[in-house]
Amino acid sequence: MGDLIRRKARGVDMRDVLPMNLSDVWHAALELKRQFHAEAVAVAATRADQCFGRGDLDGFRSWSRITHAIVELDRAPPPRERH
């Protein structure tokens, strides 16, 4: 636990150290959709490829999960209006 606190104190984002949970994946997917619209899948896939290229397999897995979540968001039907 002390090591985690020291990493945080040095400015390391714990999301870069620990695997992402499902809530984080969906939050990231929604944020990328908000920022990049139709390009969100390409942005996430590019980041996954970059992580893989530098040997960051945890980052690759996280970005791959985000990419798949964006694809699922794109496939979901639009929300129905309530009357």
N, C-alpha and C. Protein backbone atom coordinates (compact mmCIF):
# COMPACT_ATOMS: atom_id res chain seq x y z
N MET A 1 0.82 -1.18 0.00
CA MET A 1 0.00 0.00 0.00
C MET A 1 0.87 1.25 0.00
N GLY A 2 1.95 1.26 0.72
CA GLY A 2 2.83 2.41 0.74
C GLY A 2 3.37 2.74 -0.64
N ASP A 3 3.67 1.71 -1.45
CA ASP A 3 4.17 1.93 -2.79
C ASP A 3 3.12 2.63 -3.65
N LEU A 4 1.85 2.26 -3.49
CA LEU A 4 0.78 2.91 -4.24
C LEU A 4 0.69 4.38 -3.88
N ILE A 5 0.82 4.69 -2.62
CA ILE A 5 0.76 6.09 -2.18
C ILE A 5 1.94 6.87 -2.74
N ARG A 6 3.13 6.27 -2.72
CA ARG A 6 4.31 6.95 -3.26
C ARG A 6 4.16 7.20 -4.76
N ARG A 7 3.61 6.24 -5.51
CA ARG A 7 3.41 6.43 -6.93
C ARG A 7 2.44 7.58 -7.19
N LYS A 8 1.38 7.62 -6.41
CA LYS A 8 0.39 8.69 -6.57
C LYS A 8 1.04 10.04 -6.26
N ALA A 9 1.87 10.07 -5.24
CA ALA A 9 2.53 11.32 -4.86
C ALA A 9 3.48 11.80 -5.96
N ARG A 10 4.05 10.88 -6.73
CA ARG A 10 4.95 11.27 -7.82
C ARG A 10 4.17 11.66 -9.08
N GLY A 11 2.86 11.63 -9.00
CA GLY A 11 2.04 12.05 -10.12
C GLY A 11 1.70 10.95 -11.10
N VAL A 12 1.88 9.70 -10.72
CA VAL A 12 1.51 8.59 -11.59
C VAL A 12 0.02 8.34 -11.40
N ASP A 13 -0.73 8.38 -12.50
CA ASP A 13 -2.16 8.10 -12.44
C ASP A 13 -2.34 6.60 -12.21
N MET A 14 -3.06 6.24 -11.18
CA MET A 14 -3.21 4.83 -10.84
C MET A 14 -3.90 4.04 -11.94
N ARG A 15 -4.67 4.72 -12.80
CA ARG A 15 -5.28 4.01 -13.92
C ARG A 15 -4.23 3.53 -14.90
N ASP A 16 -3.03 4.14 -14.87
CA ASP A 16 -1.94 3.67 -15.72
C ASP A 16 -1.23 2.46 -15.11
N VAL A 17 -1.48 2.19 -13.85
CA VAL A 17 -0.79 1.11 -13.14
C VAL A 17 -1.70 -0.09 -12.95
N LEU A 18 -2.94 0.15 -12.59
CA LEU A 18 -3.89 -0.92 -12.30
C LEU A 18 -4.79 -1.18 -13.49
N PRO A 19 -5.25 -2.43 -13.69
CA PRO A 19 -6.19 -2.71 -14.77
C PRO A 19 -7.48 -1.91 -14.58
N MET A 20 -8.10 -1.54 -15.68
CA MET A 20 -9.35 -0.78 -15.62
C MET A 20 -10.51 -1.69 -15.24
N ASN A 21 -11.40 -1.18 -14.39
CA ASN A 21 -12.61 -1.94 -14.11
C ASN A 21 -13.65 -1.60 -15.18
N LEU A 22 -14.74 -2.32 -15.19
CA LEU A 22 -15.75 -2.18 -16.23
C LEU A 22 -16.34 -0.78 -16.26
N SER A 23 -16.55 -0.19 -15.10
CA SER A 23 -17.08 1.16 -15.03
C SER A 23 -16.13 2.16 -15.69
N ASP A 24 -14.84 2.02 -15.46
CA ASP A 24 -13.85 2.90 -16.08
C ASP A 24 -13.83 2.74 -17.60
N VAL A 25 -13.99 1.51 -18.06
CA VAL A 25 -14.01 1.25 -19.51
C VAL A 25 -15.17 1.99 -20.15
N TRP A 26 -16.37 1.85 -19.57
CA TRP A 26 -17.55 2.51 -20.16
C TRP A 26 -17.45 4.02 -20.04
N HIS A 27 -16.92 4.51 -18.94
CA HIS A 27 -16.74 5.95 -18.79
C HIS A 27 -15.80 6.49 -19.86
N ALA A 28 -14.69 5.80 -20.09
CA ALA A 28 -13.73 6.22 -21.11
C ALA A 28 -14.36 6.16 -22.50
N ALA A 29 -15.14 5.11 -22.76
CA ALA A 29 -15.80 4.97 -24.07
C ALA A 29 -16.77 6.13 -24.31
N LEU A 30 -17.55 6.45 -23.30
CA LEU A 30 -18.50 7.57 -23.44
C LEU A 30 -17.78 8.90 -23.63
N GLU A 31 -16.68 9.08 -22.92
CA GLU A 31 -15.93 10.33 -23.04
C GLU A 31 -15.30 10.45 -24.43
N LEU A 32 -14.76 9.36 -24.95
CA LEU A 32 -14.20 9.40 -26.30
C LEU A 32 -15.28 9.68 -27.34
N LYS A 33 -16.47 9.09 -27.16
CA LYS A 33 -17.60 9.36 -28.07
C LYS A 33 -17.95 10.84 -28.02
N ARG A 34 -17.95 11.42 -26.83
CA ARG A 34 -18.29 12.83 -26.67
C ARG A 34 -17.25 13.72 -27.37
N GLN A 35 -15.99 13.38 -27.23
CA GLN A 35 -14.92 14.20 -27.78
C GLN A 35 -14.71 14.00 -29.28
N PHE A 36 -14.78 12.75 -29.74
CA PHE A 36 -14.36 12.44 -31.10
C PHE A 36 -15.49 11.95 -32.01
N HIS A 37 -16.67 11.79 -31.49
CA HIS A 37 -17.85 11.39 -32.27
C HIS A 37 -17.55 10.14 -33.10
N ALA A 38 -17.71 10.24 -34.41
CA ALA A 38 -17.55 9.08 -35.29
C ALA A 38 -16.11 8.55 -35.33
N GLU A 39 -15.15 9.36 -34.92
CA GLU A 39 -13.75 8.94 -34.95
C GLU A 39 -13.31 8.23 -33.66
N ALA A 40 -14.20 8.08 -32.71
CA ALA A 40 -13.83 7.53 -31.40
C ALA A 40 -13.23 6.13 -31.50
N VAL A 41 -13.80 5.28 -32.34
CA VAL A 41 -13.26 3.92 -32.49
C VAL A 41 -11.84 3.98 -33.02
N ALA A 42 -11.61 4.81 -34.02
CA ALA A 42 -10.26 4.92 -34.60
C ALA A 42 -9.26 5.45 -33.57
N VAL A 43 -9.68 6.42 -32.77
CA VAL A 43 -8.78 6.97 -31.74
C VAL A 43 -8.42 5.89 -30.73
N ALA A 44 -9.42 5.17 -30.23
CA ALA A 44 -9.16 4.12 -29.23
C ALA A 44 -8.30 3.00 -29.82
N ALA A 45 -8.60 2.59 -31.05
CA ALA A 45 -7.82 1.52 -31.69
C ALA A 45 -6.37 1.96 -31.91
N THR A 46 -6.18 3.22 -32.28
CA THR A 46 -4.82 3.74 -32.46
C THR A 46 -4.05 3.71 -31.14
N ARG A 47 -4.71 4.09 -30.07
CA ARG A 47 -4.05 4.06 -28.76
C ARG A 47 -3.72 2.63 -28.35
N ALA A 48 -4.61 1.70 -28.66
CA ALA A 48 -4.32 0.29 -28.37
C ALA A 48 -3.09 -0.17 -29.14
N ASP A 49 -3.03 0.19 -30.42
CA ASP A 49 -1.89 -0.19 -31.25
C ASP A 49 -0.59 0.43 -30.73
N GLN A 50 -0.66 1.68 -30.28
CA GLN A 50 0.53 2.34 -29.74
C GLN A 50 1.03 1.62 -28.48
N CYS A 51 0.11 1.25 -27.61
CA CYS A 51 0.49 0.51 -26.40
C CYS A 51 1.13 -0.82 -26.77
N PHE A 52 0.52 -1.53 -27.72
CA PHE A 52 1.06 -2.82 -28.13
C PHE A 52 2.47 -2.64 -28.71
N GLY A 53 2.64 -1.61 -29.50
CA GLY A 53 3.93 -1.36 -30.14
C GLY A 53 5.05 -1.10 -29.15
N ARG A 54 4.72 -0.52 -28.01
CA ARG A 54 5.77 -0.27 -27.02
C ARG A 54 5.81 -1.36 -25.93
N GLY A 55 5.05 -2.44 -26.15
CA GLY A 55 5.09 -3.57 -25.23
C GLY A 55 4.25 -3.41 -23.99
N ASP A 56 3.35 -2.44 -23.96
CA ASP A 56 2.47 -2.19 -22.82
C ASP A 56 1.20 -3.02 -22.99
N LEU A 57 1.25 -4.27 -22.55
CA LEU A 57 0.12 -5.17 -22.77
C LEU A 57 -1.09 -4.81 -21.92
N ASP A 58 -0.88 -4.29 -20.72
CA ASP A 58 -2.02 -3.86 -19.90
C ASP A 58 -2.72 -2.68 -20.58
N GLY A 59 -1.95 -1.73 -21.08
CA GLY A 59 -2.54 -0.61 -21.80
C GLY A 59 -3.25 -1.07 -23.06
N PHE A 60 -2.63 -2.02 -23.76
CA PHE A 60 -3.26 -2.58 -24.96
C PHE A 60 -4.61 -3.21 -24.63
N ARG A 61 -4.65 -4.00 -23.55
CA ARG A 61 -5.91 -4.64 -23.14
C ARG A 61 -6.96 -3.59 -22.77
N SER A 62 -6.55 -2.58 -22.03
CA SER A 62 -7.49 -1.53 -21.62
C SER A 62 -8.06 -0.80 -22.83
N TRP A 63 -7.19 -0.38 -23.74
CA TRP A 63 -7.67 0.34 -24.91
C TRP A 63 -8.48 -0.55 -25.84
N SER A 64 -8.16 -1.83 -25.89
CA SER A 64 -8.97 -2.76 -26.68
C SER A 64 -10.37 -2.89 -26.09
N ARG A 65 -10.45 -2.97 -24.76
CA ARG A 65 -11.77 -3.03 -24.11
C ARG A 65 -12.55 -1.75 -24.37
N ILE A 66 -11.90 -0.61 -24.33
CA ILE A 66 -12.56 0.65 -24.62
C ILE A 66 -13.05 0.67 -26.07
N THR A 67 -12.22 0.20 -26.99
CA THR A 67 -12.61 0.14 -28.41
C THR A 67 -13.86 -0.71 -28.57
N HIS A 68 -13.90 -1.86 -27.94
CA HIS A 68 -15.08 -2.74 -28.04
C HIS A 68 -16.31 -2.09 -27.41
N ALA A 69 -16.12 -1.37 -26.33
CA ALA A 69 -17.25 -0.68 -25.69
C ALA A 69 -17.81 0.40 -26.63
N ILE A 70 -16.95 1.11 -27.33
CA ILE A 70 -17.42 2.13 -28.28
C ILE A 70 -18.20 1.47 -29.40
N VAL A 71 -17.72 0.34 -29.89
CA VAL A 71 -18.44 -0.38 -30.94
C VAL A 71 -19.83 -0.76 -30.44
N GLU A 72 -19.92 -1.23 -29.20
CA GLU A 72 -21.22 -1.59 -28.63
C GLU A 72 -22.13 -0.36 -28.52
N LEU A 73 -21.56 0.77 -28.12
CA LEU A 73 -22.36 2.00 -28.05
C LEU A 73 -22.89 2.37 -29.43
N ASP A 74 -22.07 2.20 -30.45
CA ASP A 74 -22.49 2.53 -31.81
C ASP A 74 -23.58 1.58 -32.31
N ARG A 75 -23.59 0.35 -31.83
CA ARG A 75 -24.59 -0.62 -32.26
C ARG A 75 -25.91 -0.50 -31.51
N ALA A 76 -25.86 0.12 -30.36
CA ALA A 76 -27.07 0.24 -29.53
C ALA A 76 -28.09 1.15 -30.22
N PRO A 77 -29.37 0.78 -30.13
CA PRO A 77 -30.38 1.65 -30.72
C PRO A 77 -30.47 2.95 -29.93
N PRO A 78 -30.88 4.03 -30.60
CA PRO A 78 -31.00 5.30 -29.87
C PRO A 78 -32.05 5.21 -28.78
N PRO A 79 -31.89 5.97 -27.71
CA PRO A 79 -32.87 5.91 -26.63
C PRO A 79 -34.25 6.36 -27.13
N ARG A 80 -35.26 5.72 -26.59
CA ARG A 80 -36.64 6.07 -26.97
C ARG A 80 -37.10 7.27 -26.16
N GLU A 81 -37.89 8.08 -26.80
CA GLU A 81 -38.45 9.23 -26.10
C GLU A 81 -39.54 8.76 -25.16
N ARG A 82 -39.60 9.41 -24.00
CA ARG A 82 -40.68 9.12 -23.05
C ARG A 82 -41.79 10.13 -23.25
N HIS A 83 -43.00 9.64 -23.15
CA HIS A 83 -44.16 10.55 -23.29
C HIS A 83 -44.85 10.71 -21.98
